[in-house]
Protein backbone atom coordinates (compact mmCIF):
# COMPACT_ATOMS: atom_id res chain seq x y z
CA MET A 1 4.17 59.20 49.91
CA SER A 2 5.80 61.20 52.84
CA LEU A 3 5.02 64.56 51.16
CA GLY A 4 1.35 63.63 50.86
CA LEU A 5 1.17 62.70 54.54
CA VAL A 6 2.71 66.08 55.53
CA LEU A 7 0.17 67.93 53.42
CA LEU A 8 -2.66 65.94 54.97
CA ILE A 9 -1.46 66.63 58.52
CA ILE A 10 -1.15 70.42 57.83
CA LEU A 11 -4.64 70.57 56.35
CA ILE A 12 -6.06 68.71 59.37
CA SER A 13 -4.35 71.15 61.80
CA ILE A 14 -5.72 74.16 59.89
CA ILE A 15 -9.23 72.74 60.01
CA VAL A 16 -8.90 72.03 63.78
CA SER A 17 -7.72 75.65 64.43
CA VAL A 18 -10.59 77.14 62.47
CA ILE A 19 -13.05 74.90 64.35
CA ALA A 20 -11.56 76.08 67.70
CA VAL A 21 -11.95 79.76 66.70
CA TYR A 22 -15.55 79.17 65.77
CA VAL A 23 -16.15 77.36 69.05
CA VAL A 24 -14.74 80.33 71.07
CA ILE A 25 -16.82 82.83 69.11
CA GLY A 26 -19.84 80.66 69.69
CA LYS A 27 -19.27 80.64 73.44
CA MET A 28 -18.93 84.46 73.46
CA LEU A 29 -22.16 84.78 71.56
CA GLU A 30 -23.90 82.47 74.01
CA LYS A 31 -22.70 84.54 76.96
CA LYS A 32 -23.77 87.76 75.31
CA ILE A 33 -27.19 86.31 74.62
CA SER A 34 -27.50 85.08 78.15
CA TYR A 35 -26.48 88.52 79.44
CA GLU A 36 -29.04 90.27 77.34
CA THR A 37 -31.62 87.82 78.50
CA LYS A 38 -30.77 88.56 82.14
CA GLN A 39 -31.05 92.28 81.61
CA GLN A 40 -34.41 91.88 79.96
CA ASN A 41 -35.83 89.76 82.72
CA LYS A 42 -34.21 91.83 85.54
CA GLU A 43 -33.91 88.80 87.74
CA ILE A 44 -30.20 89.12 88.47
CA SER A 45 -28.89 91.46 91.09
CA GLU A 46 -26.69 94.38 90.35
CA GLU A 47 -23.72 92.97 92.12
CA ASN A 48 -23.93 89.73 90.39
CA ARG A 49 -24.28 91.59 87.18
CA ARG A 50 -21.13 93.62 87.86
CA GLU A 51 -19.23 90.49 88.74
CA GLU A 52 -20.48 88.84 85.73
CA ILE A 53 -19.60 91.88 83.63
CA GLU A 54 -16.11 91.77 85.05
CA LYS A 55 -15.87 88.12 84.38
CA ILE A 56 -17.20 88.69 80.93
CA LYS A 57 -14.71 91.46 80.31
CA ASN A 58 -11.91 89.27 81.57
CA GLU A 59 -13.11 86.48 79.47
CA ILE A 60 -13.45 88.86 76.49
CA GLN A 61 -9.89 90.00 77.05
CA GLU A 62 -8.71 86.44 77.27
CA LEU A 63 -10.72 85.65 74.19
CA GLU A 64 -9.22 88.61 72.35
CA LYS A 65 -5.80 87.41 73.39
CA GLN A 66 -6.66 83.97 72.18
CA LYS A 67 -8.11 85.56 69.06
CA GLU A 68 -4.89 87.41 68.43
CA LYS A 69 -2.96 84.21 68.98
CA LEU A 70 -5.31 82.40 66.65
CA VAL A 71 -5.06 85.16 64.05
CA SER A 72 -1.29 84.98 64.26
CA GLN A 73 -1.47 81.21 64.01
CA ILE A 74 -3.87 81.53 61.08
CA LYS A 75 -1.47 83.91 59.37
CA GLU A 76 1.37 81.47 59.96
CA ILE A 77 -0.82 78.68 58.70
CA GLU A 78 -1.71 80.74 55.63
CA ILE A 79 1.97 81.39 55.03
CA GLU A 80 2.65 77.67 55.40
CA LYS A 81 -0.36 77.04 53.22
CA GLU A 82 1.07 79.27 50.52
CA LYS A 83 4.39 77.46 50.83
CA ILE A 84 2.62 74.12 50.72
CA THR A 85 0.56 75.32 47.74
CA LYS A 86 3.72 76.32 45.94
CA GLN A 87 5.26 72.95 46.82
CA THR A 88 2.06 71.23 45.72
CA GLU A 89 2.17 73.08 42.41
CA LEU A 90 5.79 72.07 42.01
CA ILE A 91 4.90 68.47 42.87
CA LYS A 92 1.97 68.61 40.44
CA SER A 93 4.25 69.90 37.70
CA GLU A 94 6.72 67.14 38.52
CA LEU A 95 3.89 64.60 38.58
CA ASP A 96 2.71 65.90 35.21
CA LYS A 97 6.21 65.51 33.86
CA ILE A 98 6.41 62.01 35.35
CA LYS A 99 2.98 61.22 33.91
CA ILE A 100 4.12 62.41 30.48
CA GLU A 101 7.28 60.35 30.80
CA LEU A 102 5.22 57.34 31.89
CA GLU A 103 2.92 57.80 28.91
CA MET A 104 5.94 58.01 26.66
CA LYS A 105 7.40 54.91 28.32
CA TYR A 106 4.07 53.09 27.95
CA LYS A 107 3.94 54.04 24.26
CA GLU A 108 7.55 52.89 23.88
CA ARG A 109 6.63 49.67 25.69
CA GLU A 110 3.67 49.12 23.37
CA SER A 111 5.85 49.78 20.31
CA ILE A 112 8.54 47.45 21.71
CA SER A 113 5.95 44.75 22.45
CA GLN A 114 4.58 45.15 18.93
CA GLU A 115 8.09 44.87 17.51
CA ILE A 116 8.72 41.81 19.73
CA ASN A 117 5.48 40.23 18.52
CA LYS A 118 6.47 40.95 14.93
CA ILE A 119 9.92 39.47 15.58
CA LEU A 120 8.34 36.41 17.24
CA GLU A 121 5.90 35.94 14.36
CA LYS A 122 8.74 36.33 11.89
CA ALA A 123 10.88 33.89 13.89
CA LYS A 124 7.98 31.43 14.05
CA LYS A 125 7.48 31.67 10.29
CA GLU A 126 11.21 31.25 9.74
CA ALA A 127 11.22 28.28 12.14
CA ASP A 128 8.28 26.73 10.27
CA GLU A 129 10.04 27.31 6.95
CA ILE A 130 13.28 25.87 8.35
CA THR A 131 11.37 22.86 9.71
CA LYS A 132 9.62 22.41 6.38
CA LYS A 133 12.91 22.69 4.52
CA ALA A 134 14.51 20.27 6.99
CA PHE A 135 11.75 17.73 6.36
CA GLU A 136 12.06 18.29 2.62
CA LYS A 137 15.82 17.92 2.90
CA LEU A 138 15.30 14.76 4.95
CA ASP A 139 13.00 13.41 2.25
CA ASN A 140 15.54 14.34 -0.42
CA VAL A 141 18.34 12.72 1.59
CA SER A 142 16.26 9.56 2.04
CA LYS A 143 15.48 9.53 -1.69
CA GLU A 144 19.16 10.08 -2.49
CA TRP A 145 20.03 7.29 -0.08
CA GLU A 146 17.54 5.02 -1.84
CA ASN A 147 19.08 5.99 -5.19
CA VAL A 148 22.55 5.28 -3.80
CA GLN A 149 21.35 1.91 -2.56
CA LYS A 150 19.81 1.18 -5.96
CA GLN A 151 23.03 2.23 -7.69
CA LYS A 152 24.95 0.05 -5.25
CA GLN A 153 22.64 -2.84 -6.03
CA GLU A 154 23.02 -2.21 -9.77
CA LEU A 155 26.80 -2.10 -9.42
CA TRP A 156 26.67 -5.32 -7.44
CA GLU A 157 24.51 -6.92 -10.12
CA LYS A 158 26.88 -5.70 -12.84
CA GLU A 159 29.84 -7.08 -10.92
CA LYS A 160 27.89 -10.30 -10.62
CA GLN A 161 27.26 -10.30 -14.37
CA ILE A 162 30.93 -9.64 -15.05
CA SER A 163 31.95 -12.46 -12.70
CA VAL A 164 29.46 -14.79 -14.42
CA ILE A 165 30.82 -13.77 -17.84
CA GLN A 166 34.38 -14.28 -16.60
CA ARG A 167 33.38 -17.65 -15.23
CA GLU A 168 31.76 -18.61 -18.54
CA PHE A 169 34.87 -17.43 -20.38
CA GLU A 170 37.08 -19.53 -18.11
CA ILE A 171 34.75 -22.52 -18.54
CA LYS A 172 34.81 -22.13 -22.32
CA LYS A 173 38.57 -21.68 -22.28
CA GLN A 174 38.96 -24.78 -20.16
CA GLU A 175 36.57 -26.67 -22.44
CA LEU A 176 38.61 -25.62 -25.49
CA GLU A 177 41.83 -26.70 -23.82
CA ASP A 178 40.24 -30.00 -22.84
CA GLU A 179 38.94 -30.49 -26.39
CA LYS A 180 42.37 -29.63 -27.76
CA GLN A 181 44.04 -32.17 -25.47
CA LYS A 182 41.41 -34.77 -26.40
CA ILE A 183 41.98 -34.11 -30.11
CA GLN A 184 45.72 -34.40 -29.64
CA GLN A 185 45.26 -37.65 -27.71
CA ILE A 186 42.90 -38.96 -30.41
CA GLU A 187 45.40 -37.99 -33.13
CA GLN A 188 48.20 -39.73 -31.26
CA SER A 189 46.07 -42.80 -30.70
CA ILE A 190 45.07 -42.79 -34.38
CA LYS A 191 48.72 -42.58 -35.41
CA GLN A 192 49.63 -45.37 -33.06
CA LYS A 193 46.72 -47.46 -34.33
CA GLU A 194 47.70 -46.77 -37.94
CA GLU A 195 51.25 -47.86 -37.17
CA GLU A 196 49.95 -50.92 -35.33
CA ILE A 197 47.56 -51.69 -38.21
CA SER A 198 50.31 -51.39 -40.79
CA LYS A 199 52.64 -53.59 -38.77
CA THR A 200 49.86 -56.09 -38.10
CA LYS A 201 48.93 -56.05 -41.76
CA GLU A 202 52.48 -56.86 -42.84
CA ARG A 203 52.83 -59.55 -40.21
CA ILE A 204 49.49 -61.11 -41.08
CA GLU A 205 50.26 -61.06 -44.81
CA LEU A 206 53.53 -62.79 -44.26
CA GLU A 207 51.99 -65.28 -41.87
CA LEU A 208 49.08 -66.01 -44.20
CA GLN A 209 51.33 -66.44 -47.18
CA ARG A 210 53.55 -68.74 -45.16
CA ILE A 211 50.82 -70.83 -43.58
CA SER A 212 48.00 -71.01 -46.08
CA ASN A 213 49.83 -70.42 -49.30
CA LEU A 214 47.12 -67.76 -50.13
CA THR A 215 47.61 -65.21 -52.81
CA GLN A 216 48.18 -61.60 -51.89
CA GLU A 217 44.64 -60.59 -52.94
CA GLU A 218 43.03 -63.26 -50.79
CA ALA A 219 45.16 -62.36 -47.82
CA LYS A 220 44.29 -58.70 -48.35
CA GLU A 221 40.52 -59.38 -48.25
CA ILE A 222 40.81 -61.39 -45.03
CA LEU A 223 42.93 -58.66 -43.47
CA LEU A 224 40.57 -55.87 -44.52
CA LYS A 225 37.59 -57.68 -43.03
CA LYS A 226 39.38 -58.17 -39.74
CA VAL A 227 40.51 -54.54 -39.63
CA GLU A 228 36.97 -53.42 -40.53
CA ASP A 229 35.52 -55.34 -37.61
CA GLN A 230 38.09 -53.88 -35.26
CA VAL A 231 37.46 -50.32 -36.50
CA LYS A 232 33.67 -50.77 -36.12
CA SER A 233 34.04 -51.74 -32.46
CA GLU A 234 36.30 -48.76 -31.84
CA LEU A 235 33.85 -46.44 -33.62
CA ILE A 236 31.01 -47.70 -31.43
CA GLN A 237 33.06 -46.92 -28.33
CA VAL A 238 33.90 -43.43 -29.69
CA ALA A 239 30.21 -42.81 -30.49
CA MET A 240 29.19 -43.77 -26.96
CA LYS A 241 31.85 -41.47 -25.56
CA ILE A 242 30.71 -38.60 -27.81
CA GLU A 243 27.09 -39.18 -26.76
CA GLN A 244 28.05 -38.96 -23.09
CA GLU A 245 30.02 -35.77 -23.76
CA TYR A 246 27.06 -34.22 -25.60
CA LEU A 247 24.75 -35.04 -22.69
CA LYS A 248 27.21 -33.42 -20.34
CA GLN A 249 27.47 -30.35 -22.60
CA ALA A 250 23.66 -30.15 -22.82
CA GLU A 251 23.43 -30.08 -19.02
CA GLN A 252 26.12 -27.40 -18.86
CA LYS A 253 24.30 -25.40 -21.54
CA ALA A 254 21.04 -25.57 -19.56
CA LYS A 255 22.87 -24.33 -16.46
CA ARG A 256 24.49 -21.58 -18.53
CA ILE A 257 21.08 -20.46 -19.84
CA ILE A 258 19.78 -20.12 -16.29
CA LEU A 259 22.97 -18.31 -15.18
CA ASN A 260 22.74 -15.90 -18.14
CA THR A 261 19.11 -15.21 -17.30
CA LEU A 262 19.88 -14.59 -13.64
CA SER A 263 22.88 -12.38 -14.43
CA ARG A 264 20.70 -10.05 -16.50
CA ILE A 265 18.24 -9.45 -13.67
CA VAL A 266 18.58 -6.27 -11.59
CA SER A 267 16.64 -6.86 -8.41
CA ASP A 268 16.13 -5.46 -4.93
CA SER A 269 16.35 -7.18 -1.58
CA VAL A 270 13.48 -7.35 0.87
CA ALA A 271 12.75 -4.17 2.87
CA GLU A 272 9.03 -4.33 3.64
CA ASN A 273 7.41 -3.64 7.02
CA THR A 274 3.91 -3.68 8.48
CA THR A 275 4.27 -0.23 10.12
CA TYR A 276 5.03 3.36 9.10
CA SER A 277 6.57 5.90 11.47
CA ILE A 278 5.70 9.60 11.25
CA VAL A 279 7.68 12.29 13.11
CA LEU A 280 5.44 14.95 14.68
CA PRO A 281 6.42 18.65 14.41
CA SER A 282 6.02 19.15 18.18
CA GLU A 283 4.78 17.52 21.38
CA GLU A 284 1.42 19.38 21.29
CA TYR A 285 0.33 17.45 18.19
CA LYS A 286 -0.02 14.31 20.33
CA GLY A 287 -2.89 15.93 22.20
CA ARG A 288 -4.49 17.08 18.95
CA ILE A 289 -4.29 13.59 17.47
CA ILE A 290 -5.82 12.01 20.59
CA GLY A 291 -8.48 14.69 21.00
CA LYS A 292 -10.91 15.20 23.84
CA GLU A 293 -11.53 11.86 25.56
CA GLY A 294 -9.78 10.11 22.64
CA ARG A 295 -12.40 11.28 20.13
CA ASN A 296 -9.97 12.07 17.28
CA ILE A 297 -7.85 8.92 17.49
CA LYS A 298 -10.97 6.71 17.66
CA ALA A 299 -12.44 8.43 14.61
CA PHE A 300 -9.13 8.11 12.73
CA GLU A 301 -8.84 4.36 13.45
CA GLU A 302 -12.50 3.73 12.53
CA ILE A 303 -12.28 5.68 9.25
CA THR A 304 -8.89 4.36 8.08
CA GLY A 305 -9.08 0.84 9.53
CA VAL A 306 -5.55 0.95 11.03
CA ASP A 307 -4.03 1.07 14.52
CA LEU A 308 -2.42 4.36 15.56
CA ILE A 309 0.37 3.92 18.13
CA ILE A 310 1.68 7.06 19.87
CA ASP A 311 5.12 6.81 21.49
CA ASP A 312 5.17 8.56 24.89
CA ASN A 313 8.97 8.91 24.90
CA SER A 314 9.39 10.60 21.49
CA ASP A 315 7.56 12.68 18.89
CA VAL A 316 6.82 9.65 16.73
CA VAL A 317 3.49 8.10 15.71
CA PHE A 318 3.32 4.57 14.25
CA VAL A 319 0.67 3.57 11.69
CA SER A 320 0.18 -0.21 11.93
CA SER A 321 -1.84 -2.49 9.65
CA PHE A 322 -1.36 -5.77 7.79
CA ASP A 323 -3.17 -4.26 4.78
CA PRO A 324 -0.52 -2.15 2.96
CA ILE A 325 -3.10 -0.09 1.02
CA ARG A 326 -4.94 0.88 4.21
CA ARG A 327 -1.60 1.68 5.85
CA GLU A 328 -0.57 3.93 2.97
CA LYS A 329 -3.93 5.75 2.97
CA ALA A 330 -3.71 6.28 6.73
CA ARG A 331 -0.13 7.57 6.49
CA LEU A 332 -0.99 10.13 3.80
CA THR A 333 -4.14 11.17 5.69
CA LEU A 334 -2.22 11.81 8.91
CA GLU A 335 0.55 13.72 7.12
CA LYS A 336 -2.02 16.01 5.44
CA LEU A 337 -3.85 16.58 8.72
CA LEU A 338 -0.56 17.53 10.40
CA SER A 339 0.31 19.91 7.56
CA ILE A 340 -3.02 21.80 7.77
CA GLY A 341 -3.00 21.66 11.60
CA LYS A 342 -6.72 20.82 11.80
CA ILE A 343 -7.60 17.47 13.38
CA ASN A 344 -11.20 16.53 14.13
CA PRO A 345 -13.55 13.73 12.96
CA ILE A 346 -15.02 15.80 10.12
CA ALA A 347 -11.60 16.90 8.84
CA ILE A 348 -10.33 13.30 9.11
CA GLN A 349 -13.20 12.03 6.94
CA GLU A 350 -12.74 14.79 4.34
CA VAL A 351 -8.97 14.30 4.07
CA TYR A 352 -9.33 10.50 3.95
CA ASP A 353 -11.85 10.71 1.07
CA GLN A 354 -9.44 12.97 -0.82
CA VAL A 355 -6.49 10.64 -0.15
CA GLU A 356 -8.52 7.60 -1.24
CA LYS A 357 -9.16 9.21 -4.63
CA GLU A 358 -5.46 10.06 -4.97
CA ILE A 359 -4.44 6.48 -4.04
CA ASN A 360 -6.80 5.01 -6.65
CA ILE A 361 -5.28 7.30 -9.31
CA ARG A 362 -1.79 6.31 -8.12
CA ILE A 363 -2.68 2.60 -8.26
CA GLN A 364 -3.83 2.99 -11.87
CA GLU A 365 -0.62 4.85 -12.75
CA GLU A 366 1.53 2.21 -11.02
CA GLY A 367 -0.27 -0.50 -13.02
CA GLU A 368 0.32 1.33 -16.30
CA ASN A 369 4.01 1.92 -15.48
CA ALA A 370 4.44 -1.74 -14.54
CA CYS A 371 2.88 -2.83 -17.85
CA LEU A 372 5.32 -0.60 -19.73
CA GLN A 373 8.25 -1.88 -17.68
CA ALA A 374 7.27 -5.52 -18.26
CA LYS A 375 6.41 -4.84 -21.94
CA VAL A 376 2.90 -6.27 -21.50
CA PHE A 377 0.33 -4.33 -23.53
CA ASP A 378 -3.42 -4.35 -24.29
CA LEU A 379 -4.45 -5.38 -20.80
CA HIS A 380 -8.01 -4.71 -19.65
CA PRO A 381 -8.17 -1.51 -17.46
CA ASP A 382 -9.49 -3.52 -14.49
CA LEU A 383 -6.53 -5.90 -14.78
CA VAL A 384 -4.20 -2.87 -14.93
CA PHE A 385 -5.80 -1.59 -11.69
CA LEU A 386 -5.28 -5.00 -10.03
CA VAL A 387 -1.64 -4.95 -11.17
CA GLY A 388 -1.25 -1.49 -9.57
CA LYS A 389 -2.60 -2.85 -6.27
CA MET A 390 0.29 -5.32 -6.23
CA LYS A 391 2.56 -2.31 -5.51
CA TYR A 392 1.18 -2.29 -1.96
CA ARG A 393 1.17 -6.08 -1.41
CA THR A 394 3.94 -8.39 -0.26
CA SER A 395 4.49 -12.14 -0.28
CA TYR A 396 6.88 -13.36 2.42
CA GLY A 397 8.20 -9.79 2.56
CA GLN A 398 8.85 -9.63 -1.22
CA ASN A 399 7.05 -6.81 -3.04
CA LEU A 400 4.46 -8.46 -5.28
CA LEU A 401 4.67 -5.97 -8.17
CA LYS A 402 8.46 -6.11 -8.36
CA HIS A 403 8.29 -9.90 -8.12
CA SER A 404 5.76 -10.09 -11.01
CA ILE A 405 7.84 -7.79 -13.25
CA GLN A 406 10.95 -9.84 -12.46
CA VAL A 407 9.21 -13.17 -13.14
CA SER A 408 7.93 -11.77 -16.45
CA SER A 409 11.47 -10.74 -17.45
CA ILE A 410 12.95 -14.12 -16.43
CA ALA A 411 10.23 -16.07 -18.27
CA ALA A 412 10.72 -14.00 -21.45
CA MET A 413 14.49 -14.55 -21.40
CA LEU A 414 14.15 -18.29 -20.77
CA ALA A 415 11.57 -18.59 -23.57
CA ALA A 416 13.87 -16.70 -25.97
CA GLU A 417 16.81 -18.95 -25.05
CA ILE A 418 14.96 -22.23 -25.73
CA GLY A 419 12.65 -21.07 -28.52
CA ALA A 420 9.29 -21.06 -26.67
CA ASN A 421 6.47 -18.51 -27.11
CA VAL A 422 7.96 -15.38 -25.54
CA GLU A 423 4.73 -13.34 -25.47
CA VAL A 424 2.72 -16.06 -23.72
CA CYS A 425 5.46 -16.60 -21.13
CA ARG A 426 5.89 -12.86 -20.48
CA ARG A 427 2.14 -12.21 -20.14
CA ALA A 428 1.35 -15.26 -17.99
CA ALA A 429 4.34 -14.63 -15.72
CA PHE A 430 3.33 -10.97 -15.31
CA LEU A 431 -0.20 -11.96 -14.21
CA HIS A 432 0.65 -15.18 -12.33
CA ASP A 433 0.05 -13.67 -8.83
CA ILE A 434 -2.94 -11.47 -9.75
CA GLY A 435 -5.15 -13.68 -7.57
CA LYS A 436 -3.35 -12.45 -4.41
CA VAL A 437 -4.82 -8.92 -4.70
CA LEU A 438 -8.44 -9.98 -5.20
CA ASP A 439 -10.73 -8.79 -2.39
CA ASP A 440 -12.77 -12.01 -2.50
CA SER A 441 -11.27 -15.23 -3.90
CA ASN A 442 -13.91 -17.52 -2.33
CA GLY A 443 -11.19 -19.51 -0.55
CA GLU A 444 -9.61 -20.69 -3.83
CA PRO A 445 -5.82 -20.87 -4.34
CA HIS A 446 -4.50 -17.64 -5.79
CA ALA A 447 -3.36 -19.38 -9.00
CA ILE A 448 -6.90 -20.65 -9.74
CA ALA A 449 -8.54 -17.34 -8.74
CA GLY A 450 -6.04 -15.40 -10.86
CA ALA A 451 -6.63 -17.65 -13.86
CA LYS A 452 -10.40 -17.14 -13.58
CA ILE A 453 -10.15 -13.35 -13.39
CA ALA A 454 -7.71 -13.34 -16.35
CA LYS A 455 -10.17 -15.42 -18.38
CA ILE A 456 -13.05 -13.06 -17.47
CA TYR A 457 -11.06 -10.09 -18.79
CA GLY A 458 -10.31 -11.79 -22.13
CA GLU A 459 -6.83 -13.31 -21.76
CA ARG A 460 -5.79 -16.16 -24.10
CA GLU A 461 -6.37 -19.77 -23.08
CA ASP A 462 -2.64 -20.64 -23.01
CA VAL A 463 -1.98 -17.62 -20.77
CA VAL A 464 -4.83 -18.63 -18.43
CA ARG A 465 -3.55 -22.22 -18.25
CA ALA A 466 0.01 -21.10 -17.46
CA ILE A 467 -1.32 -18.89 -14.60
CA ALA A 468 -3.43 -21.73 -13.19
CA SER A 469 -0.64 -24.33 -13.34
CA HIS A 470 2.29 -22.39 -11.87
CA HIS A 471 1.72 -24.08 -8.46
CA ASN A 472 0.59 -27.44 -9.93
CA GLU A 473 -3.09 -26.97 -9.00
CA VAL A 474 -3.70 -27.68 -12.70
CA PRO A 475 -1.52 -30.13 -14.72
CA GLN A 476 1.10 -28.47 -16.93
CA GLU A 477 0.63 -29.18 -20.65
CA THR A 478 3.12 -26.98 -22.53
CA ILE A 479 6.69 -25.79 -22.20
CA GLU A 480 5.34 -22.27 -21.52
CA ASP A 481 3.56 -23.54 -18.38
CA LEU A 482 6.82 -24.99 -17.10
CA ILE A 483 8.80 -21.81 -17.92
CA VAL A 484 6.38 -19.66 -15.86
CA GLN A 485 6.76 -22.02 -12.89
CA ILE A 486 10.58 -22.04 -13.19
CA ALA A 487 10.74 -18.23 -13.48
CA ASP A 488 8.56 -17.86 -10.38
CA ALA A 489 10.82 -20.27 -8.45
CA ILE A 490 13.98 -18.44 -9.57
CA SER A 491 12.65 -15.05 -8.44
CA ALA A 492 11.37 -16.38 -5.12
CA SER A 493 14.47 -18.42 -4.21
CA ARG A 494 16.95 -15.69 -5.15
CA PRO A 495 19.10 -14.78 -2.09
CA GLY A 496 17.63 -11.73 -0.33
CA ALA A 497 14.36 -11.92 -2.23
CA ARG A 498 12.20 -13.09 0.64
CA LYS A 499 12.32 -12.73 4.36
CA GLU A 500 12.65 -15.69 6.67
CA THR A 501 11.59 -15.42 10.29
CA PHE A 502 14.30 -15.82 12.89
CA GLN A 503 12.63 -18.90 14.36
CA LEU A 504 12.40 -20.71 11.00
CA TYR A 505 15.99 -19.72 10.21
CA ILE A 506 17.27 -21.22 13.49
CA GLN A 507 15.19 -24.37 12.93
CA ARG A 508 16.66 -24.79 9.44
CA LEU A 509 20.23 -24.45 10.76
CA GLN A 510 19.55 -26.97 13.54
CA LYS A 511 18.01 -29.39 11.05
CA LEU A 512 21.08 -29.11 8.80
CA GLU A 513 23.37 -29.94 11.73
CA GLU A 514 21.15 -32.89 12.73
CA ILE A 515 21.22 -34.32 9.19
CA ALA A 516 25.00 -33.88 8.90
CA THR A 517 25.77 -35.48 12.27
CA SER A 518 23.35 -38.39 11.80
CA PHE A 519 25.81 -40.28 9.53
CA ASN A 520 28.26 -42.81 10.91
CA GLY A 521 31.84 -41.60 11.25
CA VAL A 522 30.97 -37.87 11.48
CA GLU A 523 32.89 -36.20 14.29
CA LYS A 524 31.35 -32.70 14.09
CA ALA A 525 29.50 -30.46 11.62
CA PHE A 526 29.28 -26.68 11.16
CA VAL A 527 26.67 -24.65 9.23
CA LEU A 528 28.17 -21.51 7.66
CA GLN A 529 27.15 -18.57 5.45
CA GLY A 530 23.60 -18.40 6.80
CA GLY A 531 22.85 -22.02 5.98
CA LYS A 532 24.40 -22.00 2.50
CA GLU A 533 27.36 -24.24 3.37
CA VAL A 534 27.82 -27.29 5.63
CA ILE A 535 31.34 -28.34 6.63
CA ILE A 536 31.69 -31.87 8.06
CA PHE A 537 34.75 -33.25 9.89
CA VAL A 538 34.95 -37.06 9.89
CA LYS A 539 36.86 -39.54 12.02
CA PRO A 540 39.89 -40.66 9.95
CA ASP A 541 39.98 -44.10 11.55
CA VAL A 542 36.34 -44.76 10.51
CA ILE A 543 36.00 -43.02 7.11
CA THR A 544 38.53 -43.70 4.34
CA ASP A 545 39.50 -41.29 1.56
CA GLN A 546 37.26 -43.07 -0.96
CA GLU A 547 34.30 -43.00 1.46
CA VAL A 548 34.62 -39.20 1.88
CA TYR A 549 33.17 -38.58 -1.60
CA ASN A 550 30.30 -41.00 -1.02
CA LEU A 551 29.52 -39.36 2.34
CA ALA A 552 29.31 -35.88 0.73
CA LYS A 553 26.84 -37.21 -1.85
CA ASP A 554 24.76 -39.02 0.80
CA VAL A 555 24.53 -35.89 3.00
CA ALA A 556 23.51 -33.75 0.02
CA LYS A 557 20.78 -36.25 -0.93
CA ALA A 558 19.53 -36.38 2.68
CA ILE A 559 19.30 -32.56 2.77
CA GLU A 560 17.40 -32.52 -0.54
CA SER A 561 14.86 -35.08 0.66
CA ASN A 562 14.35 -33.85 4.26
CA LEU A 563 14.61 -30.05 4.07
CA LYS A 564 13.08 -27.15 2.15
CA TYR A 565 15.44 -24.25 1.52
CA PRO A 566 16.04 -21.41 -0.97
CA GLY A 567 18.93 -21.68 -3.44
CA ILE A 568 21.63 -24.32 -3.04
CA ILE A 569 23.60 -25.74 -0.08
CA ARG A 570 27.24 -26.76 -0.49
CA VAL A 571 28.42 -29.83 1.46
CA THR A 572 32.14 -30.11 2.26
CA VAL A 573 33.56 -33.21 3.97
CA ILE A 574 37.05 -32.99 5.49
CA ARG A 575 39.15 -35.99 6.59
CA LYS A 576 42.13 -34.77 8.55
CA VAL A 577 45.05 -37.02 9.52
CA ILE A 578 47.84 -35.67 11.75
CA ALA A 579 51.03 -37.70 12.26
CA TYR A 580 53.49 -37.01 15.08
CA SER A 581 57.08 -38.16 15.51
CA THR A 582 60.14 -37.12 17.47
CA ALA A 583 63.67 -36.73 16.18
CA ARG A 584 66.28 -37.71 18.80
């Protein structure tokens, strides 16, 4: 910048000098013209003319001097100009070099920026791939975790089966030992009775012969009749005892049948919710989902029929609906929209239509797989579709399809154990809750609605009746009807099968404590194991040892009559006496 200013100043000075020279020459020319004009007109006197000539000469001399000075200055300026020109040429050459370098730098910058853009694009692609792989890995991990949980559950069920088998073995062993002891006692009593009979016989014979002078044959007949009467009375007592034992064994056998059936069931605990959570790839997707003035989110909720909840504090979106099929369709629709990165009302409608077709195909496949798993064949295709819809329905938190398959398995095993019609029980139990997935049941109970739809699609009359009567809306007529009801109750009351709200759970515990403490002589009561056991401490000065057993039975009966609960509740009554003394 300083070099340019110097050049500008020098050029301005040169121009000023040239202008001054031209001004001086112009003045000389004016004077010469004026002089010639005076001579021509002859108006000026000679003296004045001489003076003027002298003045002019002096002025010309001065002008020549000035001219010489100016010429010398011009020469100096030209020399400086040449120097400046040389410097300017050098500066131009340097500027050209700098310009070339700048062009090279600019080209390098463009190439570097291109390389940076390529690297950024590559990094973005790699990041997307890594994110995709991370999500896939997360899905795989979640699936593996589910498999581990299933394996854990299966192991737990197997351990349960083993414990049941061990318990049965111990029961049978104990029964055999008890039978053995009873047989030994009976043999001993028989020997004693035989000895007593023989001794009595001899004594009676001697007494009869002595008193009545009867012959041996007559005495023998009287003795045999008396012994026969005695043996008959003893046989009647033994028969009554055997009958009671058989009734007891029959009850134990019935319990064992139910235990065997339960031990062969592999089931899952409740894990159903009314919401799905979806993790967004980045924060910007929240704005895309909402859209301009909320256009996208409104269109999504109207098309899918669910509520979309966006968390401001995290990259999570919640899909909420009480209809599990709608919730599943909405979840898949949103995931596909996020994967393609295009979210607008038209795209939402297109993706939702595609997902709806896929869900319908999946429902049909789920129904077919469930039929294979439950070993129920030749169902009408519309019934198979309704069965598939049960995959996305719950009853008190229990998955309806898993519940139906389980009830079918339980009913089939119970029917096989007691000799009922296995096919009818399996089929009716599999379809017993089909009325819960009907879109319009006209306000009828699900058992009646399910029975009607089963009849429409050609199911047998005994199957239809078993479906209709499993909640006693229709009277039960056959053993198969009862088996379906029992199997449904077993599956529903199994621990962990159904969810219980916290409020109802607390109310049930409080009610148990109220029932336990309402009896006279109870000091305090505790509810343990989530309401599965009640421990009662009684006042020893009010309740005797014999009354403890009666109190336990009375509390159990009061719980049965006043409270609804899943499974069984164990009642334990404790009478504690502490004695103190001092040794001196």
